[in-house]
Protein backbone atom coordinates (compact mmCIF):
# COMPACT_ATOMS: atom_id res chain seq x y z
CA MET A 1 297.21 26.55 -39.45
CA ASP A 2 295.51 28.99 -36.81
CA GLU A 3 296.22 28.30 -33.25
CA THR A 4 293.09 26.77 -32.35
CA THR A 5 294.28 23.59 -34.09
CA PRO A 6 296.67 22.62 -31.54
CA LYS A 7 294.41 23.32 -28.66
CA ARG A 8 291.72 21.41 -30.66
CA ARG A 9 293.80 17.99 -31.19
CA ARG A 10 294.83 18.66 -28.03
CA PHE A 11 291.38 18.52 -26.46
CA LEU A 12 290.15 15.75 -28.83
CA GLU A 13 292.82 13.85 -26.93
CA GLY A 14 291.99 15.12 -23.45
CA ILE A 15 288.25 13.27 -24.30
CA SER A 16 289.67 10.22 -26.04
CA VAL A 17 291.50 9.40 -22.57
CA GLY A 18 289.09 10.37 -20.14
CA GLY A 19 286.56 7.85 -21.44
CA GLY A 20 289.61 5.59 -21.75
CA MET A 21 289.90 5.88 -18.04
CA LEU A 22 285.95 5.63 -17.42
CA LEU A 23 286.08 2.58 -19.75
CA ALA A 24 289.26 1.09 -16.99
CA GLY A 25 286.69 1.03 -14.52
CA CYS A 26 288.66 4.62 -13.08
CA THR A 27 285.57 6.21 -12.43
CA ASP A 28 286.06 5.02 -8.21
CA GLN A 29 289.28 6.87 -8.38
CA LEU A 30 287.33 9.90 -9.14
CA ASP A 31 284.09 9.06 -7.63
CA LEU A 32 282.06 8.64 -10.74
CA GLY A 33 280.79 5.31 -10.72
CA GLY A 34 277.42 5.98 -8.92
CA GLU A 35 278.35 3.39 -5.94
CA SER A 36 279.54 5.03 -2.52
CA GLY A 37 283.41 5.30 -2.25
CA THR A 38 283.61 2.36 0.79
CA ALA A 39 280.69 -0.40 -1.26
CA ALA A 40 283.07 0.35 -4.13
CA GLN A 41 286.65 -0.28 -2.22
CA ALA A 42 285.07 -3.21 -0.81
CA ASP A 43 285.15 -5.17 -3.47
CA ASP A 44 288.82 -5.57 -4.83
CA ASP A 45 287.80 -6.60 -8.55
CA ALA A 46 286.31 -3.35 -8.84
CA SER A 47 288.94 -1.12 -7.39
CA VAL A 48 291.23 -3.20 -10.54
CA GLY A 49 290.45 -2.22 -14.32
CA SER A 50 292.17 -2.41 -17.65
CA VAL A 51 292.53 -0.33 -20.70
CA ALA A 52 295.09 -0.25 -24.01
CA ALA A 53 297.66 1.97 -24.09
CA ILE A 54 299.25 2.39 -27.36
CA ALA A 55 302.83 2.42 -27.94
CA ASN A 56 304.45 6.66 -29.00
CA VAL A 57 306.26 5.07 -32.09
CA ASP A 58 308.20 7.46 -33.13
CA GLN A 59 307.29 8.82 -36.19
CA LYS A 60 309.50 11.55 -37.68
CA ALA A 61 312.27 9.27 -37.71
CA LEU A 62 310.24 6.23 -39.34
CA GLN A 63 308.80 9.06 -42.29
CA GLU A 64 312.71 9.97 -42.82
CA GLU A 65 313.37 6.08 -43.22
CA GLN A 66 310.61 6.08 -45.48
CA VAL A 67 311.95 9.27 -47.69
CA ALA A 68 315.40 7.63 -47.23
CA LEU A 69 313.54 4.59 -49.17
CA GLN A 70 311.78 6.23 -51.76
CA GLU A 71 314.65 8.38 -53.10
CA GLU A 72 316.03 4.87 -53.64
CA LEU A 73 313.81 3.87 -55.25
CA GLN A 74 313.58 6.71 -57.74
CA ASN A 75 317.24 6.07 -58.05
CA GLY A 76 316.41 2.96 -59.15
CA ASN A 77 319.11 1.12 -56.39
CA ILE A 78 315.61 -1.30 -55.51
CA THR A 79 312.66 -2.57 -56.55
CA GLN A 80 308.93 -1.42 -55.44
CA GLU A 81 308.74 -5.04 -53.93
CA GLU A 82 312.33 -4.44 -52.10
CA ALA A 83 311.24 -1.34 -50.54
CA GLN A 84 308.29 -2.54 -49.47
CA GLU A 85 309.51 -5.40 -47.12
CA GLU A 86 312.13 -3.50 -45.81
CA PHE A 87 310.19 -0.60 -44.57
CA ALA A 88 308.16 -3.41 -43.09
CA GLU A 89 310.86 -4.33 -41.23
CA ILE A 90 311.36 -1.13 -39.98
CA ARG A 91 308.45 0.00 -39.07
CA GLU A 92 308.20 -3.72 -37.19
CA GLU A 93 311.55 -2.23 -36.01
CA TYR A 94 310.38 1.08 -34.88
CA LEU A 95 307.31 -0.84 -33.13
CA ASN A 96 309.19 -3.19 -31.13
CA GLU A 97 311.54 -0.65 -29.80
CA ALA A 98 308.07 1.57 -28.80
CA ILE A 99 306.26 -1.76 -27.35
CA ASP A 100 309.78 -2.71 -24.87
CA ALA A 101 309.54 1.20 -23.71
CA LEU A 102 306.18 0.99 -22.45
CA THR A 103 306.23 -2.47 -21.00
CA GLY A 104 308.62 -0.85 -19.34
CA THR A 105 306.91 2.13 -17.99
CA VAL A 106 304.38 -0.43 -17.06
CA ALA A 107 306.41 -2.46 -15.24
CA GLU A 108 308.29 0.50 -13.32
CA THR A 109 304.41 1.68 -12.13
CA SER A 110 303.27 0.53 -8.92
CA GLY A 111 300.46 -1.04 -9.28
CA ALA A 112 300.18 -1.95 -13.18
CA ASP A 113 300.65 -4.49 -14.91
CA VAL A 114 300.76 -5.46 -18.55
CA ASP A 115 298.15 -8.46 -19.66
CA GLU A 116 298.63 -8.85 -23.31
CA GLU A 117 300.48 -7.26 -26.49
CA TYR A 118 299.75 -6.82 -29.84
CA ARG A 119 303.02 -5.91 -31.30
CA SER A 120 301.98 -5.61 -34.78
CA PHE A 121 298.96 -2.96 -33.76
CA GLY A 122 302.02 -1.21 -31.12
CA ALA A 123 299.55 -1.62 -28.14
CA VAL A 124 299.32 -3.54 -25.05
CA VAL A 125 296.53 -4.38 -22.64
CA VAL A 126 297.21 -2.96 -18.90
CA SER A 127 295.47 -4.30 -16.45
CA GLY A 128 295.37 -2.42 -12.21
CA GLU A 129 294.24 0.13 -10.06
CA PRO A 130 293.36 3.05 -11.50
CA ALA A 131 295.54 5.74 -10.23
CA ALA A 132 298.27 3.36 -11.61
CA LEU A 133 296.15 3.03 -14.67
CA LEU A 134 295.95 7.66 -15.07
CA SER A 135 299.70 7.80 -13.84
CA LEU A 136 300.09 6.12 -17.31
CA VAL A 137 298.28 9.35 -19.12
CA ASN A 138 301.25 11.76 -18.83
CA ALA A 139 304.23 8.50 -19.86
CA GLU A 140 306.44 9.60 -22.69
CA SER A 141 306.73 5.93 -23.58
CA VAL A 142 301.92 6.29 -24.09
CA ARG A 143 300.76 7.61 -27.80
CA ALA A 144 297.23 7.47 -26.59
CA LEU A 145 295.07 4.94 -23.49
CA VAL A 146 291.73 3.49 -25.45
CA SER A 147 289.14 1.21 -24.77
CA THR A 148 290.86 -2.46 -24.01
CA ALA A 149 287.53 -3.45 -26.58
CA ASP A 150 288.91 -1.40 -29.52
CA VAL A 151 291.62 -3.08 -29.81
CA GLU A 152 290.93 -6.44 -29.60
CA GLU A 153 288.07 -5.44 -32.32
CA SER A 154 290.95 -4.43 -34.30
CA VAL A 155 292.89 -7.74 -33.62
CA GLY A 156 289.94 -9.85 -34.18
CA THR A 157 288.84 -7.70 -37.19
CA GLU A 158 292.62 -8.33 -38.59
CA THR A 159 292.62 -11.79 -37.86
CA GLU A 160 289.38 -12.43 -40.05
CA THR A 161 291.42 -10.44 -42.54
CA GLN A 162 294.26 -12.78 -42.52
CA GLY A 163 291.99 -15.98 -42.60
């Protein structure tokens, strides 16, 4: 792997975060919204946005759990079905821990609130002041910020598939 690959990934992550911020209404913070700052600030609703925050799940630990289960399966200690069920439980535990950490981070962030939790997707919808939403970008418990519509669309698709 060459040295540009991590830089390219970081750049692409930055683009997705930037797009999420634009969708969250953070253009007022950067004065990119097309309105003058005073006109945008006059309307309180315009200064509150929302964004979906994706929880930072410990992927390395989750993969280690999966490898351990695969070894158990290969050794004949468990069946394929048991391995799948156990991995689903382990994945859910990791997701719940990550969501709890994420909601804790948001609770500690002045000017931001969790509106909705999508635990099975590892995401929460956060609303608040643009500066508060921007501050979440560097939080350890946040893997990425994405459009709320993207998460809600994924939830809708999953609901239709199950129904």
